[in-house]
Each structure stands twice: as C-alpha cells, then as structure tokens.
Amino acid sequence: MDTDKHELLLKDEVYQIVGCCAMAVLNTLDHGLLEKPDENALVVEFGLLPALR
C-alpha cells in the first residue's frame, strides 16, 4: 500500500453523509442542541438519500 498517496475511499458516499446530511442538520437545527435531536434528524436525512436506502 502506498502511504504517501492520500485518496479518500468511498468519496461519493462520504460526501453524501458529511456534505449533505450532517451539514443540513447542523444548518437547520443550529448549534447547542442535545445529541438525540441531532441523531433523529440525521436518521431522517439518511432516509432521503437514494444511495443509502
């Protein structure tokens, strides 16, 4: 394995999770909420992604 090569594995999936879901939840609910509402919102967002159904 080439350790000097920095390539993100599953790049599209990671982008969908971090770029779309997590940021949408963060921007919608804002900072400072408890973990459970954030978790519930992520579950809803994940359900909206066609790749994760």
Foldseek 3Di string as FASTA:
>chain_A
DDPVDDDDPPVVVVCLLVVPQLVVLCVVVPPDDDPVVSVVSSVVSLVPDPVND
